Amino acid sequence: MFESVAKTLLKECEGRSMLMSFYIDCDRSRRSVKEISIDLKNLQKKAIEEGALFCGESDCKQYSEKITSILNRLNEELVHGGLGEAKGIACFVDLQGDYYRFVELPTPVKNQVKFSDHPFLAPLIETLCPHKLTLVAVVEARRANFFRVYASTVDKLLTLEEDVPPKVKSAGWYGLEETRIKRHVENHVKNHLKNVAATLRALYEDEDYSLILVGGNSNYALVVADLIKEIITSVPIDVSAELGITDQSHAVVEAVTTYALKSFVVESSKLVEEIITEYEKGGLAVAGLRGVVYASNLFAVHQLLIDEYEPVAGKQCQSCGALGVDEVECPLCHGEMGEIEDLIDLLIYKTLRDNGDVLVIGGQSPLREYDGIGASLRFAV
């Protein structure tokens, strides 16, 4: 899902040469709206100063007004509670047109602004990597709530109500009669759980979900998960202990996020191990900055893997655009290489533009021995 967000941004920004990428920490569980607004004003001032250098002094006033307008709009959203459960915001603005987009992020981000001819996506990818488009069912004895969750965005899809008789004592609630009524109640519950599973299947078919999570009553959740696993085999289906009986959006988001982060640690560790193993045996993988740059210049990168994003200075050919680490002469066309401030950002951009995938783990991994970067390849280089 995060790949589609990044690639959608690239597509929307294609051909736009004067872009501002802006990130703001808006975690209201740690800081007040006033404190966040002050940060936003300070970043706005920085954006106007750096924008003048990027855009040129002659157009400084026009672009300053554009930056001020967009960030004032973001501040209004913040003040009036329009950012939902977001703890960070990424903002992308075309300084020469009407295009802008806010992307809500599920975790805080470092406050920063960057001007370029492409959107600065590394912090967005690092934040969104663990998250999958998730279909959630919270199951109780007589009802079930269904949610669509991605990162900090949650939509309640529907509530399923079942007329399950309560277990109350009444005349005849003893002996054989008690057994008969209990069996009657149990049959109603079983039918309810089957209906929950059927509803999950119908909702799953409506959208391209990558994960199904079931919570609520733990006994009922296990039954529903087993039922739906018999129907849907293409995506993981699991029971989340953190997803208790709730219909509160923030509680659902927190539970799904907790599950996503735990799963991501396992999945990314396995992927790092696979890339290093493949590289060491001379297979379809490279590790280390120089090897990744070489593969990228040949359009061979299938999936770029970075353990923790940090900008690294590098080189770029002024003729063909090939990337380099410290070369004086272009390795492809032998043209002159110019200095660039952020080689990692350009590797991410180039990989996505060439229909590759990017994964930023957000912490140190065994890739640290290889400059913190590696890649699986489309073909041998």
Protein backbone atom coordinates (compact mmCIF):
# COMPACT_ATOMS: atom_id res chain seq x y z
CA MET A 1 0.00 0.00 0.00
CA PHE A 2 2.79 2.47 0.85
CA GLU A 3 4.27 1.81 -2.59
CA SER A 4 1.03 2.94 -4.22
CA VAL A 5 1.01 6.14 -2.11
CA ALA A 6 4.59 6.97 -3.13
CA LYS A 7 4.09 6.07 -6.78
CA THR A 8 0.84 8.04 -6.94
CA LEU A 9 2.73 11.08 -5.65
CA LEU A 10 5.43 10.56 -8.28
CA LYS A 11 2.82 10.34 -11.01
CA GLU A 12 1.00 13.45 -9.80
CA CYS A 13 4.27 15.38 -9.56
CA GLU A 14 5.65 14.26 -12.91
CA GLY A 15 6.76 17.23 -15.00
CA ARG A 16 6.64 19.61 -12.03
CA SER A 17 10.14 21.03 -11.59
CA MET A 18 9.62 23.28 -8.57
CA LEU A 19 8.35 21.17 -5.69
CA MET A 20 8.35 21.76 -1.96
CA SER A 21 8.24 18.71 0.32
CA PHE A 22 7.36 19.56 3.90
CA TYR A 23 7.13 17.30 7.00
CA ILE A 24 5.67 18.27 10.37
CA ASP A 25 5.39 16.38 13.66
CA CYS A 26 1.77 16.86 14.81
CA ASP A 27 1.51 14.21 17.54
CA ARG A 28 -1.12 15.74 19.81
CA SER A 29 -0.64 13.02 22.42
CA ARG A 30 2.75 14.55 23.29
CA ARG A 31 2.33 18.25 22.55
CA SER A 32 -0.38 20.86 22.47
CA VAL A 33 -1.89 22.28 19.29
CA LYS A 34 -0.30 25.63 20.19
CA GLU A 35 3.19 24.09 20.36
CA ILE A 36 2.70 22.37 17.01
CA SER A 37 1.42 25.62 15.47
CA ILE A 38 4.59 27.40 16.63
CA ASP A 39 6.71 24.69 14.98
CA LEU A 40 4.67 25.10 11.82
CA LYS A 41 5.26 28.87 11.78
CA ASN A 42 9.01 28.37 12.30
CA LEU A 43 9.16 25.84 9.47
CA GLN A 44 7.15 28.20 7.29
CA LYS A 45 9.76 30.90 7.85
CA LYS A 46 12.53 28.43 6.99
CA ALA A 47 10.64 27.31 3.87
CA ILE A 48 10.32 30.89 2.62
CA GLU A 49 14.05 31.52 3.17
CA GLU A 50 15.17 28.30 1.45
CA GLY A 51 12.51 28.68 -1.25
CA ALA A 52 14.00 32.05 -2.21
CA LEU A 53 17.37 30.37 -2.82
CA PHE A 54 15.80 27.54 -4.83
CA CYS A 55 13.36 29.61 -6.88
CA GLY A 56 15.43 32.74 -7.38
CA GLU A 57 15.06 36.20 -5.90
CA SER A 58 12.97 37.52 -8.81
CA ASP A 59 10.08 35.15 -8.06
CA CYS A 60 10.60 35.16 -4.31
CA LYS A 61 7.40 37.08 -3.44
CA GLN A 62 5.14 34.88 -5.57
CA TYR A 63 6.48 31.65 -4.10
CA SER A 64 6.50 33.03 -0.56
CA GLU A 65 2.80 33.80 -0.86
CA LYS A 66 2.14 30.28 -2.16
CA ILE A 67 4.08 28.67 0.70
CA THR A 68 2.31 30.86 3.27
CA SER A 69 -1.13 30.06 1.84
CA ILE A 70 -0.63 26.28 1.88
CA LEU A 71 0.91 26.13 5.35
CA ASN A 72 -1.77 28.43 6.78
CA ARG A 73 -4.31 25.97 5.37
CA LEU A 74 -2.49 23.12 7.12
CA ASN A 75 -2.49 25.11 10.37
CA GLU A 76 -6.26 25.64 10.08
CA GLU A 77 -6.72 21.87 9.69
CA LEU A 78 -4.62 21.36 12.80
CA VAL A 79 -6.44 23.94 14.93
CA HIS A 80 -9.88 22.65 13.98
CA GLY A 81 -9.05 18.97 14.47
CA GLY A 82 -9.16 18.04 10.81
CA LEU A 83 -6.15 15.70 10.84
CA GLY A 84 -7.87 12.68 12.36
CA GLU A 85 -5.51 10.26 14.11
CA ALA A 86 -2.42 11.55 12.24
CA LYS A 87 0.78 12.05 14.25
CA GLY A 88 2.70 13.44 11.31
CA ILE A 89 1.91 15.21 8.05
CA ALA A 90 3.73 15.16 4.73
CA CYS A 91 2.94 18.06 2.42
CA PHE A 92 3.86 18.27 -1.28
CA VAL A 93 3.38 21.54 -3.16
CA ASP A 94 3.95 22.59 -6.77
CA LEU A 95 5.18 26.17 -6.44
CA GLN A 96 4.29 26.94 -10.06
CA GLY A 97 0.79 25.46 -10.13
CA ASP A 98 -2.29 24.65 -8.09
CA TYR A 99 -1.20 21.15 -7.03
CA TYR A 100 -0.71 20.29 -3.37
CA ARG A 101 -1.34 17.22 -1.27
CA PHE A 102 -1.37 16.45 2.46
CA VAL A 103 -0.59 12.86 3.52
CA GLU A 104 -1.47 11.81 7.06
CA LEU A 105 1.21 9.73 8.79
CA PRO A 106 0.72 7.31 11.72
CA THR A 107 3.93 8.19 13.59
CA PRO A 108 5.79 11.44 14.33
CA VAL A 109 8.34 12.69 11.79
CA LYS A 110 11.27 15.05 11.91
CA ASN A 111 10.27 18.61 11.03
CA GLN A 112 11.92 19.45 7.72
CA VAL A 113 11.46 21.10 4.33
CA LYS A 114 13.14 20.33 1.03
CA PHE A 115 12.96 21.86 -2.47
CA SER A 116 13.63 19.74 -5.54
CA ASP A 117 12.42 18.71 -8.99
CA HIS A 118 10.84 15.60 -7.43
CA PRO A 119 8.97 14.86 -4.19
CA PHE A 120 11.18 14.04 -1.20
CA LEU A 121 9.74 10.65 -0.20
CA ALA A 122 12.24 9.04 2.19
CA PRO A 123 10.54 10.12 5.48
CA LEU A 124 7.10 9.19 4.10
CA ILE A 125 8.29 5.73 3.02
CA GLU A 126 10.08 5.13 6.33
CA THR A 127 6.89 5.98 8.20
CA LEU A 128 4.48 3.99 6.02
CA CYS A 129 6.59 0.87 5.34
CA PRO A 130 5.22 -1.23 8.24
CA HIS A 131 1.58 -0.52 7.40
CA LYS A 132 -0.76 -2.58 5.25
CA LEU A 133 -4.30 -1.92 4.11
CA THR A 134 -6.12 -3.90 6.80
CA LEU A 135 -9.66 -5.21 7.12
CA VAL A 136 -10.65 -5.42 10.79
CA ALA A 137 -13.52 -7.23 12.53
CA VAL A 138 -14.27 -6.67 16.23
CA VAL A 139 -16.52 -9.57 17.25
CA GLU A 140 -18.94 -9.82 20.17
CA ALA A 141 -21.68 -12.35 20.93
CA ARG A 142 -24.41 -10.33 19.23
CA ARG A 143 -22.63 -7.81 17.09
CA ALA A 144 -19.54 -7.20 15.03
CA ASN A 145 -17.97 -3.95 13.86
CA PHE A 146 -15.93 -3.81 10.66
CA PHE A 147 -13.21 -1.26 9.87
CA ARG A 148 -10.89 -0.33 7.01
CA VAL A 149 -7.52 0.78 8.40
CA TYR A 150 -4.43 2.15 6.72
CA ALA A 151 -1.77 3.87 8.82
CA SER A 152 -3.60 6.64 10.75
CA THR A 153 -6.73 6.50 8.58
CA VAL A 154 -9.66 4.41 9.80
CA ASP A 155 -13.14 4.07 8.31
CA LYS A 156 -15.96 2.23 10.03
CA LEU A 157 -17.53 0.13 7.29
CA LEU A 158 -20.59 -1.34 9.01
CA THR A 159 -22.05 -2.94 12.13
CA LEU A 160 -23.59 -6.40 11.99
CA GLU A 161 -26.32 -7.03 14.60
CA GLU A 162 -27.65 -10.52 15.36
CA ASP A 163 -30.67 -11.46 17.43
CA VAL A 164 -28.87 -13.89 19.75
CA PRO A 165 -31.03 -14.80 22.80
CA PRO A 166 -29.51 -13.76 26.12
CA LYS A 167 -28.65 -16.43 28.69
CA VAL A 168 -31.19 -15.43 31.35
CA LYS A 169 -32.96 -17.64 33.84
CA SER A 170 -36.62 -18.12 33.21
CA ALA A 171 -39.21 -20.76 33.84
CA GLY A 172 -37.81 -24.10 32.80
CA TRP A 173 -34.13 -23.03 32.92
CA TYR A 174 -33.06 -26.25 34.61
CA GLY A 175 -32.53 -29.90 33.84
CA LEU A 176 -33.16 -30.91 30.23
CA GLU A 177 -34.81 -27.60 29.49
CA GLU A 178 -31.63 -25.75 30.51
CA THR A 179 -29.57 -27.89 28.13
CA ARG A 180 -32.02 -27.29 25.29
CA ILE A 181 -31.98 -23.50 25.73
CA LYS A 182 -28.19 -23.39 26.01
CA ARG A 183 -27.93 -25.37 22.80
CA HIS A 184 -30.37 -22.95 21.17
CA VAL A 185 -28.22 -19.98 22.24
CA GLU A 186 -25.04 -21.69 21.05
CA ASN A 187 -26.58 -22.33 17.64
CA HIS A 188 -27.48 -18.64 17.34
CA VAL A 189 -23.88 -17.67 18.23
CA LYS A 190 -22.48 -20.13 15.68
CA ASN A 191 -24.72 -18.66 12.98
CA HIS A 192 -23.67 -15.17 14.03
CA LEU A 193 -19.98 -16.05 13.71
CA LYS A 194 -20.60 -17.63 10.30
CA ASN A 195 -22.31 -14.40 9.22
CA VAL A 196 -19.31 -12.39 10.47
CA ALA A 197 -16.98 -14.55 8.35
CA ALA A 198 -19.25 -14.20 5.32
CA THR A 199 -19.34 -10.42 5.77
CA LEU A 200 -15.54 -10.31 6.01
CA ARG A 201 -15.32 -12.21 2.75
CA ALA A 202 -17.72 -9.80 1.01
CA LEU A 203 -15.82 -6.75 2.30
CA TYR A 204 -12.47 -8.28 1.33
CA GLU A 205 -13.65 -8.70 -2.24
CA ASP A 206 -14.50 -4.97 -2.41
CA GLU A 207 -10.89 -3.77 -2.02
CA ASP A 208 -7.29 -4.92 -2.31
CA TYR A 209 -6.61 -5.65 1.38
CA SER A 210 -3.21 -7.02 2.43
CA LEU A 211 -4.18 -8.21 5.91
CA ILE A 212 -7.27 -9.29 7.89
CA LEU A 213 -7.28 -8.85 11.66
CA VAL A 214 -9.95 -10.18 14.01
CA GLY A 215 -10.40 -9.04 17.60
CA GLY A 216 -13.00 -8.55 20.30
CA ASN A 217 -14.04 -11.60 22.33
CA SER A 218 -10.99 -13.85 22.02
CA ASN A 219 -12.96 -17.11 21.77
CA TYR A 220 -15.27 -15.77 19.06
CA ALA A 221 -12.33 -14.10 17.23
CA LEU A 222 -10.53 -17.45 16.98
CA VAL A 223 -13.61 -19.12 15.52
CA VAL A 224 -14.10 -16.35 12.94
CA ALA A 225 -10.41 -16.42 11.98
CA ASP A 226 -10.56 -20.19 11.43
CA LEU A 227 -13.71 -19.84 9.33
CA ILE A 228 -12.34 -17.08 7.12
CA LYS A 229 -9.00 -18.88 6.63
CA GLU A 230 -10.94 -21.64 4.88
CA ILE A 231 -12.35 -19.08 2.43
CA ILE A 232 -9.47 -16.62 1.88
CA THR A 233 -5.96 -17.96 1.36
CA SER A 234 -4.29 -15.08 -0.47
CA VAL A 235 -3.58 -12.75 2.51
CA PRO A 236 -2.54 -13.24 6.16
CA ILE A 237 -5.41 -13.61 8.65
CA ASP A 238 -4.67 -13.27 12.34
CA VAL A 239 -6.23 -12.65 15.75
CA SER A 240 -4.94 -9.54 17.53
CA ALA A 241 -4.79 -9.67 21.33
CA GLU A 242 -4.55 -5.86 21.44
CA LEU A 243 -7.81 -5.47 19.50
CA GLY A 244 -10.30 -5.74 22.36
CA ILE A 245 -14.01 -5.02 22.30
CA THR A 246 -14.20 -1.44 21.03
CA ASP A 247 -15.82 0.73 18.40
CA GLN A 248 -13.48 3.69 19.02
CA SER A 249 -11.43 4.63 15.97
CA HIS A 250 -8.30 5.61 17.89
CA ALA A 251 -8.27 2.29 19.78
CA VAL A 252 -8.59 0.34 16.53
CA VAL A 253 -5.76 2.35 14.92
CA GLU A 254 -3.49 1.81 17.95
CA ALA A 255 -4.12 -1.94 17.95
CA VAL A 256 -3.54 -2.33 14.21
CA THR A 257 -0.39 -0.16 14.39
CA THR A 258 1.02 -2.25 17.25
CA TYR A 259 0.42 -5.42 15.25
CA ALA A 260 1.93 -3.89 12.09
CA LEU A 261 5.13 -2.76 13.81
CA LYS A 262 5.71 -6.15 15.43
CA SER A 263 5.14 -7.95 12.12
CA PHE A 264 7.37 -5.52 10.22
CA VAL A 265 10.36 -6.26 12.47
CA VAL A 266 10.08 -9.96 11.63
CA GLU A 267 9.45 -9.45 7.90
CA SER A 268 12.21 -6.86 7.37
CA SER A 269 14.76 -8.95 9.29
CA LYS A 270 14.00 -11.90 7.03
CA LEU A 271 14.31 -9.72 3.92
CA VAL A 272 17.67 -8.30 5.02
CA GLU A 273 18.96 -11.81 5.64
CA GLU A 274 17.77 -12.95 2.20
CA ILE A 275 19.48 -10.05 0.40
CA ILE A 276 22.79 -10.47 2.23
CA THR A 277 22.76 -14.24 1.64
CA GLU A 278 21.96 -13.80 -2.05
CA TYR A 279 24.67 -11.14 -2.42
CA GLU A 280 27.34 -13.22 -0.67
CA LYS A 281 26.70 -16.19 -2.93
CA GLY A 282 26.84 -14.00 -6.06
CA GLY A 283 23.12 -14.12 -6.81
CA LEU A 284 20.56 -11.50 -7.80
CA ALA A 285 21.37 -8.99 -5.06
CA VAL A 286 23.88 -6.27 -4.21
CA ALA A 287 24.92 -4.76 -0.89
CA GLY A 288 26.79 -1.56 -0.19
CA LEU A 289 26.34 1.94 -1.61
CA ARG A 290 28.69 1.58 -4.57
CA GLY A 291 27.09 -1.67 -5.73
CA VAL A 292 23.55 -0.31 -5.39
CA VAL A 293 24.45 2.85 -7.36
CA TYR A 294 25.98 0.74 -10.12
CA ALA A 295 22.87 -1.47 -10.33
CA SER A 296 20.59 1.57 -10.27
CA ASN A 297 22.39 3.14 -13.23
CA LEU A 298 21.71 -0.06 -15.19
CA PHE A 299 17.98 -0.06 -14.19
CA ALA A 300 18.55 -3.42 -12.47
CA VAL A 301 17.14 -2.64 -9.00
CA HIS A 302 13.98 -4.60 -8.19
CA GLN A 303 13.70 -3.70 -4.50
CA LEU A 304 15.84 -1.14 -2.71
CA LEU A 305 16.39 -1.81 0.99
CA ILE A 306 17.68 0.89 3.37
CA ASP A 307 18.07 0.25 7.07
CA GLU A 308 17.84 3.87 8.29
CA TYR A 309 17.52 6.93 6.08
CA GLU A 310 20.29 9.52 6.38
CA PRO A 311 21.28 11.86 3.53
CA VAL A 312 24.63 10.99 1.92
CA ALA A 313 26.49 13.32 -0.44
CA GLY A 314 27.32 11.90 -3.86
CA LYS A 315 27.72 12.67 -7.55
CA GLN A 316 25.46 12.91 -10.61
CA CYS A 317 26.40 13.16 -14.26
CA GLN A 318 25.50 16.54 -15.70
CA SER A 319 24.88 14.96 -19.12
CA CYS A 320 23.01 11.67 -18.67
CA GLY A 321 21.93 11.88 -15.02
CA ALA A 322 23.77 8.71 -13.90
CA LEU A 323 24.55 8.58 -10.18
CA GLY A 324 27.94 8.12 -8.54
CA VAL A 325 29.61 7.96 -5.15
CA ASP A 326 32.87 9.87 -5.69
CA GLU A 327 33.64 9.47 -9.41
CA VAL A 328 35.10 12.37 -11.38
CA GLU A 329 33.96 10.93 -14.71
CA CYS A 330 30.53 9.45 -15.46
CA PRO A 331 30.69 5.61 -15.48
CA LEU A 332 28.19 5.50 -18.36
CA CYS A 333 28.84 8.38 -20.77
CA HIS A 334 32.18 9.70 -19.39
CA GLY A 335 30.61 13.12 -18.85
CA GLU A 336 31.41 15.46 -15.97
CA MET A 337 30.06 14.54 -12.55
CA GLY A 338 28.54 17.24 -10.34
CA GLU A 339 28.06 17.29 -6.56
CA ILE A 340 24.67 16.36 -5.04
CA GLU A 341 23.63 16.68 -1.40
CA ASP A 342 21.47 13.56 -1.08
CA LEU A 343 22.38 10.47 -3.06
CA ILE A 344 20.00 8.26 -1.05
CA ASP A 345 17.02 10.46 -1.91
CA LEU A 346 17.85 10.18 -5.62
CA LEU A 347 18.29 6.38 -5.37
CA ILE A 348 14.81 6.16 -3.80
CA TYR A 349 13.30 8.43 -6.43
CA LYS A 350 14.98 6.61 -9.32
CA THR A 351 13.96 3.16 -8.02
CA LEU A 352 10.30 4.15 -7.70
CA ARG A 353 10.32 5.97 -11.04
CA ASP A 354 11.68 2.80 -12.68
CA ASN A 355 8.82 0.73 -11.15
CA GLY A 356 10.96 -0.77 -8.40
CA ASP A 357 10.03 -1.01 -4.72
CA VAL A 358 11.65 0.70 -1.74
CA LEU A 359 11.77 -0.42 1.88
CA VAL A 360 13.15 1.79 4.66
CA ILE A 361 13.41 -0.17 7.91
CA GLY A 362 13.87 2.82 10.20
CA GLY A 363 16.58 1.26 12.36
CA GLN A 364 19.98 -0.39 12.16
CA SER A 365 20.18 -3.89 10.72
CA PRO A 366 22.91 -6.29 9.49
CA LEU A 367 22.98 -4.09 6.38
CA ARG A 368 24.94 -1.62 8.52
CA GLU A 369 28.04 -3.62 7.53
CA TYR A 370 27.24 -2.72 3.91
CA ASP A 371 26.70 1.06 4.24
CA GLY A 372 23.13 0.39 5.42
CA ILE A 373 21.86 -0.29 1.90
CA GLY A 374 21.21 -3.25 -0.39
CA ALA A 375 18.94 -4.32 -3.22
CA SER A 376 17.44 -7.34 -4.92
CA LEU A 377 17.97 -7.28 -8.68
CA ARG A 378 15.94 -7.87 -11.82
CA PHE A 379 18.98 -9.35 -13.53
CA ALA A 380 22.65 -9.97 -12.81
CA VAL A 381 25.04 -6.99 -13.06
